[in-house]
PDB file of N, CA and C in Angstrom:
ATOM      1  N   MET A   1       0.857  -1.181   0.000  1.00  0.00           N
ATOM      2  CA  MET A   1       0.000   0.000   0.000  1.00  0.00           C
ATOM      3  C   MET A   1       0.898   1.239   0.000  1.00  0.00           C
ATOM      4  N   GLY A   2       0.616   2.192  -0.905  1.00  0.00           N
ATOM      5  CA  GLY A   2       1.431   3.385  -1.040  1.00  0.00           C
ATOM      6  C   GLY A   2       1.129   4.412   0.031  1.00  0.00           C
ATOM      7  N   SER A   3       2.010   5.358   0.127  1.00  0.00           N
ATOM      8  CA  SER A   3       1.831   6.425   1.108  1.00  0.00           C
ATOM      9  C   SER A   3       0.813   7.445   0.594  1.00  0.00           C
ATOM     10  N   TYR A   4       0.430   8.312   1.487  1.00  0.00           N
ATOM     11  CA  TYR A   4      -0.499   9.391   1.112  1.00  0.00           C
ATOM     12  C   TYR A   4       0.112  10.248   0.012  1.00  0.00           C
ATOM     13  N   ALA A   5       1.419  10.526   0.112  1.00  0.00           N
ATOM     14  CA  ALA A   5       2.102  11.344  -0.889  1.00  0.00           C
ATOM     15  C   ALA A   5       2.071  10.672  -2.260  1.00  0.00           C
ATOM     16  N   ASP A   6       2.279   9.340  -2.299  1.00  0.00           N
ATOM     17  CA  ASP A   6       2.222   8.612  -3.572  1.00  0.00           C
ATOM     18  C   ASP A   6       0.821   8.678  -4.170  1.00  0.00           C
ATOM     19  N   HIS A   7      -0.174   8.499  -3.314  1.00  0.00           N
ATOM     20  CA  HIS A   7      -1.569   8.559  -3.774  1.00  0.00           C
ATOM     21  C   HIS A   7      -1.880   9.947  -4.340  1.00  0.00           C
ATOM     22  N   PHE A   8      -1.452  10.986  -3.625  1.00  0.00           N
ATOM     23  CA  PHE A   8      -1.696  12.356  -4.064  1.00  0.00           C
ATOM     24  C   PHE A   8      -0.981  12.633  -5.384  1.00  0.00           C
ATOM     25  N   LYS A   9       0.243  12.171  -5.526  1.00  0.00           N
ATOM     26  CA  LYS A   9       1.015  12.354  -6.754  1.00  0.00           C
ATOM     27  C   LYS A   9       0.322  11.672  -7.933  1.00  0.00           C
ATOM     28  N   ASN A  10      -0.169  10.454  -7.714  1.00  0.00           N
ATOM     29  CA  ASN A  10      -0.865   9.709  -8.756  1.00  0.00           C
ATOM     30  C   ASN A  10      -2.158  10.422  -9.149  1.00  0.00           C
ATOM     31  N   LEU A  11      -2.896  10.881  -8.162  1.00  0.00           N
ATOM     32  CA  LEU A  11      -4.146  11.595  -8.428  1.00  0.00           C
ATOM     33  C   LEU A  11      -3.881  12.884  -9.203  1.00  0.00           C
ATOM     34  N   THR A  12      -2.826  13.606  -8.834  1.00  0.00           N
ATOM     35  CA  THR A  12      -2.457  14.837  -9.531  1.00  0.00           C
ATOM     36  C   THR A  12      -2.128  14.552 -10.988  1.00  0.00           C
ATOM     37  N   LYS A  13      -1.387  13.478 -11.254  1.00  0.00           N
ATOM     38  CA  LYS A  13      -1.054  13.104 -12.634  1.00  0.00           C
ATOM     39  C   LYS A  13      -2.318  12.814 -13.436  1.00  0.00           C
ATOM     40  N   GLN A  14      -3.276  12.113 -12.816  1.00  0.00           N
ATOM     41  CA  GLN A  14      -4.524  11.775 -13.501  1.00  0.00           C
ATOM     42  C   GLN A  14      -5.306  13.047 -13.864  1.00  0.00           C
ATOM     43  N   VAL A  15      -5.382  13.980 -12.935  1.00  0.00           N
ATOM     44  CA  VAL A  15      -6.111  15.224 -13.176  1.00  0.00           C
ATOM     45  C   VAL A  15      -5.433  16.035 -14.271  1.00  0.00           C
ATOM     46  N   MET A  16      -4.099  16.099 -14.215  1.00  0.00           N
ATOM     47  CA  MET A  16      -3.365  16.858 -15.231  1.00  0.00           C
ATOM     48  C   MET A  16      -3.541  16.243 -16.614  1.00  0.00           C
ATOM     49  N   GLU A  17      -3.542  14.935 -16.701  1.00  0.00           N
ATOM     50  CA  GLU A  17      -3.726  14.250 -17.987  1.00  0.00           C
ATOM     51  C   GLU A  17      -5.144  14.502 -18.520  1.00  0.00           C
ATOM     52  N   LYS A  18      -6.122  14.425 -17.653  1.00  0.00           N
ATOM     53  CA  LYS A  18      -7.509  14.674 -18.070  1.00  0.00           C
ATOM     54  C   LYS A  18      -7.655  16.115 -18.565  1.00  0.00           C
ATOM     55  N   THR A  19      -7.049  17.054 -17.860  1.00  0.00           N
ATOM     56  CA  THR A  19      -7.106  18.457 -18.257  1.00  0.00           C
ATOM     57  C   THR A  19      -6.425  18.673 -19.604  1.00  0.00           C
ATOM     58  N   ARG A  20      -5.277  18.033 -19.813  1.00  0.00           N
ATOM     59  CA  ARG A  20      -4.559  18.152 -21.082  1.00  0.00           C
ATOM     60  C   ARG A  20      -5.418  17.626 -22.225  1.00  0.00           C
ATOM     61  N   LEU A  21      -6.048  16.480 -22.033  1.00  0.00           N
ATOM     62  CA  LEU A  21      -6.894  15.904 -23.081  1.00  0.00           C
ATOM     63  C   LEU A  21      -8.098  16.794 -23.377  1.00  0.00           C
ATOM     64  N   GLU A  22      -8.694  17.365 -22.326  1.00  0.00           N
ATOM     65  CA  GLU A  22      -9.844  18.253 -22.542  1.00  0.00           C
ATOM     66  C   GLU A  22      -9.428  19.485 -23.330  1.00  0.00           C
ATOM     67  N   LYS A  23      -8.238  20.037 -23.047  1.00  0.00           N
ATOM     68  CA  LYS A  23      -7.760  21.208 -23.780  1.00  0.00           C
ATOM     69  C   LYS A  23      -7.493  20.867 -25.239  1.00  0.00           C
ATOM     70  N   GLU A  24      -6.908  19.697 -25.499  1.00  0.00           N
ATOM     71  CA  GLU A  24      -6.608  19.280 -26.867  1.00  0.00           C
ATOM     72  C   GLU A  24      -7.873  19.088 -27.688  1.00  0.00           C
ATOM     73  N   ASN A  25      -8.923  18.597 -27.050  1.00  0.00           N
ATOM     74  CA  ASN A  25     -10.162  18.289 -27.763  1.00  0.00           C
ATOM     75  C   ASN A  25     -11.185  19.421 -27.725  1.00  0.00           C
ATOM     76  N   PHE A  26     -10.803  20.558 -27.153  1.00  0.00           N
ATOM     77  CA  PHE A  26     -11.734  21.676 -27.011  1.00  0.00           C
ATOM     78  C   PHE A  26     -12.078  22.266 -28.378  1.00  0.00           C
ATOM     79  N   GLN A  27     -13.352  22.416 -28.637  1.00  0.00           N
ATOM     80  CA  GLN A  27     -13.849  23.018 -29.877  1.00  0.00           C
ATOM     81  C   GLN A  27     -14.710  24.221 -29.506  1.00  0.00           C
ATOM     82  N   PRO A  28     -14.188  25.455 -29.630  1.00  0.00           N
ATOM     83  CA  PRO A  28     -15.000  26.617 -29.259  1.00  0.00           C
ATOM     84  C   PRO A  28     -16.217  26.756 -30.162  1.00  0.00           C
ATOM     85  N   GLN A  29     -17.307  27.144 -29.565  1.00  0.00           N
ATOM     86  CA  GLN A  29     -18.543  27.362 -30.312  1.00  0.00           C
ATOM     87  C   GLN A  29     -18.666  28.848 -30.606  1.00  0.00           C
ATOM     88  N   ILE A  30     -18.431  29.227 -31.835  1.00  0.00           N
ATOM     89  CA  ILE A  30     -18.467  30.633 -32.217  1.00  0.00           C
ATOM     90  C   ILE A  30     -19.727  30.882 -33.042  1.00  0.00           C
ATOM     91  N   GLU A  31     -20.518  31.830 -32.563  1.00  0.00           N
ATOM     92  CA  GLU A  31     -21.732  32.190 -33.295  1.00  0.00           C
ATOM     93  C   GLU A  31     -21.363  32.989 -34.532  1.00  0.00           C
ATOM     94  N   PRO A  32     -22.183  32.895 -35.561  1.00  0.00           N
ATOM     95  CA  PRO A  32     -21.934  33.737 -36.739  1.00  0.00           C
ATOM     96  C   PRO A  32     -21.974  35.212 -36.340  1.00  0.00           C
ATOM     97  N   LYS A  33     -21.211  36.023 -37.049  1.00  0.00           N
ATOM     98  CA  LYS A  33     -21.083  37.441 -36.716  1.00  0.00           C
ATOM     99  C   LYS A  33     -22.438  38.141 -36.622  1.00  0.00           C
ATOM    100  N   GLU A  34     -23.352  37.801 -37.485  1.00  0.00           N
ATOM    101  CA  GLU A  34     -24.658  38.477 -37.481  1.00  0.00           C
ATOM    102  C   GLU A  34     -25.475  38.154 -36.232  1.00  0.00           C
ATOM    103  N   ASN A  35     -25.147  37.085 -35.521  1.00  0.00           N
ATOM    104  CA  ASN A  35     -25.868  36.740 -34.295  1.00  0.00           C
ATOM    105  C   ASN A  35     -25.201  37.291 -33.040  1.00  0.00           C
ATOM    106  N   GLN A  36     -23.987  37.816 -33.167  1.00  0.00           N
ATOM    107  CA  GLN A  36     -23.257  38.275 -31.994  1.00  0.00           C
ATOM    108  C   GLN A  36     -23.747  39.624 -31.478  1.00  0.00           C
ATOM    109  N   PHE A  37     -24.224  40.479 -32.354  1.00  0.00           N
ATOM    110  CA  PHE A  37     -24.661  41.812 -31.959  1.00  0.00           C
ATOM    111  C   PHE A  37     -26.136  41.963 -32.271  1.00  0.00           C
ATOM    112  N   LYS A  38     -26.927  42.109 -31.221  1.00  0.00           N
ATOM    113  CA  LYS A  38     -28.370  42.211 -31.393  1.00  0.00           C
ATOM    114  C   LYS A  38     -28.843  43.544 -30.830  1.00  0.00           C
ATOM    115  N   PRO A  39     -29.927  44.076 -31.369  1.00  0.00           N
ATOM    116  CA  PRO A  39     -30.475  45.311 -30.807  1.00  0.00           C
ATOM    117  C   PRO A  39     -30.955  45.078 -29.375  1.00  0.00           C
ATOM    118  N   LEU A  40     -30.885  46.123 -28.575  1.00  0.00           N
ATOM    119  CA  LEU A  40     -31.294  46.038 -27.177  1.00  0.00           C
ATOM    120  C   LEU A  40     -32.731  45.555 -27.040  1.00  0.00           C
ATOM    121  N   SER A  41     -33.576  45.910 -27.983  1.00  0.00           N
ATOM    122  CA  SER A  41     -34.976  45.489 -27.917  1.00  0.00           C
ATOM    123  C   SER A  41     -35.111  43.967 -27.947  1.00  0.00           C
ATOM    124  N   GLU A  42     -34.166  43.270 -28.586  1.00  0.00           N
ATOM    125  CA  GLU A  42     -34.212  41.812 -28.619  1.00  0.00           C
ATOM    126  C   GLU A  42     -33.605  41.206 -27.355  1.00  0.00           C
ATOM    127  N   ILE A  43     -32.696  41.916 -26.720  1.00  0.00           N
ATOM    128  CA  ILE A  43     -32.003  41.393 -25.547  1.00  0.00           C
ATOM    129  C   ILE A  43     -32.831  41.606 -24.283  1.00  0.00           C
ATOM    130  N   LYS A  44     -33.465  42.759 -24.139  1.00  0.00           N
ATOM    131  CA  LYS A  44     -34.166  43.114 -22.909  1.00  0.00           C
ATOM    132  C   LYS A  44     -35.195  42.074 -22.461  1.00  0.00           C
ATOM    133  N   PRO A  45     -36.050  41.560 -23.345  1.00  0.00           N
ATOM    134  CA  PRO A  45     -37.010  40.556 -22.875  1.00  0.00           C
ATOM    135  C   PRO A  45     -36.321  39.336 -22.260  1.00  0.00           C
ATOM    136  N   LYS A  46     -35.161  38.974 -22.791  1.00  0.00           N
ATOM    137  CA  LYS A  46     -34.433  37.834 -22.258  1.00  0.00           C
ATOM    138  C   LYS A  46     -33.995  38.111 -20.821  1.00  0.00           C
ATOM    139  N   ILE A  47     -33.560  39.327 -20.553  1.00  0.00           N
ATOM    140  CA  ILE A  47     -33.132  39.699 -19.209  1.00  0.00           C
ATOM    141  C   ILE A  47     -34.319  39.635 -18.248  1.00  0.00           C
ATOM    142  N   ASP A  48     -35.469  40.169 -18.664  1.00  0.00           N
ATOM    143  CA  ASP A  48     -36.654  40.172 -17.811  1.00  0.00           C
ATOM    144  C   ASP A  48     -37.111  38.748 -17.476  1.00  0.00           C
ATOM    145  N   ASN A  49     -36.900  37.816 -18.392  1.00  0.00           N
ATOM    146  CA  ASN A  49     -37.353  36.446 -18.165  1.00  0.00           C
ATOM    147  C   ASN A  49     -36.445  35.671 -17.218  1.00  0.00           C
ATOM    148  N   ASP A  50     -35.305  36.235 -16.840  1.00  0.00           N
ATOM    149  CA  ASP A  50     -34.375  35.541 -15.956  1.00  0.00           C
ATOM    150  C   ASP A  50     -34.743  35.708 -14.486  1.00  0.00           C
ATOM    151  N   ILE A  51     -35.815  36.391 -14.183  1.00  0.00           N
ATOM    152  CA  ILE A  51     -36.219  36.606 -12.796  1.00  0.00           C
ATOM    153  C   ILE A  51     -37.072  35.429 -12.343  1.00  0.00           C
ATOM    154  N   ASP A  52     -36.665  34.826 -11.234  1.00  0.00           N
ATOM    155  CA  ASP A  52     -37.426  33.714 -10.674  1.00  0.00           C
ATOM    156  C   ASP A  52     -38.110  34.176  -9.395  1.00  0.00           C
ATOM    157  N   LEU A  53     -39.382  33.868  -9.278  1.00  0.00           N
ATOM    158  CA  LEU A  53     -40.106  34.166  -8.054  1.00  0.00           C
ATOM    159  C   LEU A  53     -40.023  32.952  -7.144  1.00  0.00           C
ATOM    160  N   ILE A  54     -39.697  33.201  -5.873  1.00  0.00           N
ATOM    161  CA  ILE A  54     -39.650  32.110  -4.912  1.00  0.00           C
ATOM    162  C   ILE A  54     -40.484  32.478  -3.699  1.00  0.00           C
ATOM    163  N   ASN A  55     -40.900  31.481  -2.977  1.00  0.00           N
ATOM    164  CA  ASN A  55     -41.670  31.693  -1.760  1.00  0.00           C
ATOM    165  C   ASN A  55     -40.753  32.276  -0.701  1.00  0.00           C
ATOM    166  N   ILE A  56     -41.208  33.274   0.006  1.00  0.00           N
ATOM    167  CA  ILE A  56     -40.379  33.938   1.014  1.00  0.00           C
ATOM    168  C   ILE A  56     -39.956  32.969   2.120  1.00  0.00           C
ATOM    169  N   ASP A  57     -40.717  31.911   2.325  1.00  0.00           N
ATOM    170  CA  ASP A  57     -40.364  30.910   3.336  1.00  0.00           C
ATOM    171  C   ASP A  57     -39.071  30.178   2.988  1.00  0.00           C
ATOM    172  N   LYS A  58     -38.656  30.236   1.725  1.00  0.00           N
ATOM    173  CA  LYS A  58     -37.425  29.554   1.304  1.00  0.00           C
ATOM    174  C   LYS A  58     -36.172  30.362   1.627  1.00  0.00           C
ATOM    175  N   LEU A  59     -36.338  31.643   1.981  1.00  0.00           N
ATOM    176  CA  LEU A  59     -35.186  32.490   2.295  1.00  0.00           C
ATOM    177  C   LEU A  59     -34.644  32.132   3.671  1.00  0.00           C
ATOM    178  N   ILE A  60     -33.320  32.022   3.748  1.00  0.00           N
ATOM    179  CA  ILE A  60     -32.662  31.658   5.000  1.00  0.00           C
ATOM    180  C   ILE A  60     -31.668  32.764   5.342  1.00  0.00           C
ATOM    181  N   PRO A  61     -31.790  33.379   6.528  1.00  0.00           N
ATOM    182  CA  PRO A  61     -30.820  34.410   6.904  1.00  0.00           C
ATOM    183  C   PRO A  61     -29.455  33.779   7.140  1.00  0.00           C
ATOM    184  N   PHE A  62     -28.406  34.511   6.800  1.00  0.00           N
ATOM    185  CA  PHE A  62     -27.096  33.963   7.114  1.00  0.00           C
ATOM    186  C   PHE A  62     -26.382  34.867   8.106  1.00  0.00           C
ATOM    187  N   LYS A  63     -25.702  34.237   9.039  1.00  0.00           N
ATOM    188  CA  LYS A  63     -25.069  34.900  10.164  1.00  0.00           C
ATOM    189  C   LYS A  63     -23.948  35.821   9.685  1.00  0.00           C
ATOM    190  N   ASP A  64     -23.827  36.974  10.323  1.00  0.00           N
ATOM    191  CA  ASP A  64     -22.742  37.925  10.074  1.00  0.00           C
ATOM    192  C   ASP A  64     -22.731  38.500   8.659  1.00  0.00           C
ATOM    193  N   HIS A  65     -23.902  38.648   8.042  1.00  0.00           N
ATOM    194  CA  HIS A  65     -23.915  39.275   6.722  1.00  0.00           C
ATOM    195  C   HIS A  65     -23.496  40.739   6.864  1.00  0.00           C
ATOM    196  N   PRO A  66     -22.942  41.344   5.800  1.00  0.00           N
ATOM    197  CA  PRO A  66     -22.393  42.698   5.922  1.00  0.00           C
ATOM    198  C   PRO A  66     -23.436  43.817   5.857  1.00  0.00           C
ATOM    199  N   PHE A  67     -24.676  43.499   5.575  1.00  0.00           N
ATOM    200  CA  PHE A  67     -25.687  44.535   5.409  1.00  0.00           C
ATOM    201  C   PHE A  67     -26.416  44.783   6.718  1.00  0.00           C
ATOM    202  N   LYS A  68     -26.490  46.029   7.106  1.00  0.00           N
ATOM    203  CA  LYS A  68     -27.125  46.386   8.372  1.00  0.00           C
ATOM    204  C   LYS A  68     -28.271  47.361   8.125  1.00  0.00           C
ATOM    205  N   LEU A  69     -29.307  47.274   8.933  1.00  0.00           N
ATOM    206  CA  LEU A  69     -30.415  48.211   8.858  1.00  0.00           C
ATOM    207  C   LEU A  69     -30.048  49.477   9.618  1.00  0.00           C
ATOM    208  N   TYR A  70     -30.388  50.621   9.035  1.00  0.00           N
ATOM    209  CA  TYR A  70     -30.158  51.888   9.720  1.00  0.00           C
ATOM    210  C   TYR A  70     -31.344  52.190  10.614  1.00  0.00           C
ATOM    211  N   ASP A  71     -31.103  52.962  11.670  1.00  0.00           N
ATOM    212  CA  ASP A  71     -32.207  53.390  12.503  1.00  0.00           C
ATOM    213  C   ASP A  71     -32.998  54.465  11.741  1.00  0.00           C
ATOM    214  N   LYS A  72     -34.150  54.818  12.246  1.00  0.00           N
ATOM    215  CA  LYS A  72     -35.049  55.738  11.543  1.00  0.00           C
ATOM    216  C   LYS A  72     -34.383  57.082  11.269  1.00  0.00           C
ATOM    217  N   GLU A  73     -33.592  57.589  12.221  1.00  0.00           N
ATOM    218  CA  GLU A  73     -32.917  58.882  12.057  1.00  0.00           C
ATOM    219  C   GLU A  73     -31.946  58.841  10.866  1.00  0.00           C
ATOM    220  N   LYS A  74     -31.187  57.786  10.764  1.00  0.00           N
ATOM    221  CA  LYS A  74     -30.212  57.635   9.681  1.00  0.00           C
ATOM    222  C   LYS A  74     -30.945  57.497   8.330  1.00  0.00           C
ATOM    223  N   GLN A  75     -32.076  56.821   8.302  1.00  0.00           N
ATOM    224  CA  GLN A  75     -32.857  56.674   7.075  1.00  0.00           C
ATOM    225  C   GLN A  75     -33.393  58.029   6.622  1.00  0.00           C
ATOM    226  N   GLU A  76     -33.903  58.819   7.560  1.00  0.00           N
ATOM    227  CA  GLU A  76     -34.426  60.141   7.228  1.00  0.00           C
ATOM    228  C   GLU A  76     -33.321  61.034   6.688  1.00  0.00           C
ATOM    229  N   GLU A  77     -32.134  60.932   7.248  1.00  0.00           N
ATOM    230  CA  GLU A  77     -30.985  61.724   6.793  1.00  0.00           C
ATOM    231  C   GLU A  77     -30.678  61.413   5.318  1.00  0.00           C
ATOM    232  N   GLY A  78     -30.774  60.160   4.948  1.00  0.00           N
ATOM    233  CA  GLY A  78     -30.498  59.754   3.576  1.00  0.00           C
ATOM    234  C   GLY A  78     -31.518  60.273   2.580  1.00  0.00           C
ATOM    235  N   ARG A  79     -32.737  60.513   3.021  1.00  0.00           N
ATOM    236  CA  ARG A  79     -33.803  60.995   2.133  1.00  0.00           C
ATOM    237  C   ARG A  79     -33.671  62.485   1.823  1.00  0.00           C
ATOM    238  N   LYS A  80     -32.869  63.200   2.582  1.00  0.00           N
ATOM    239  CA  LYS A  80     -32.711  64.654   2.357  1.00  0.00           C
ATOM    240  C   LYS A  80     -31.992  64.933   1.056  1.00  0.00           C
ATOM    241  N   TYR A  81     -31.217  63.997   0.579  1.00  0.00           N
ATOM    242  CA  TYR A  81     -30.380  64.245  -0.600  1.00  0.00           C
ATOM    243  C   TYR A  81     -31.110  63.959  -1.831  1.00  0.00           C
TER     244      TYR A  81
END
């Protein structure tokens, strides 16, 4: 049975070989020039359709997030501008 270092070395070789083969066989998919630039009117509906509605019960708060609520005084101060 080989050591952990031997196992890691073998695994690294396998990953590098797989990556090399994927790079060699890579075929980029290039759209025809006329399809690359579209008017904004054709793009905008696509953007609007990317919005997903979810049930609010699915939202989970995460601890120590960087966003903080301001107190009422601080909120009023921001509205003056």
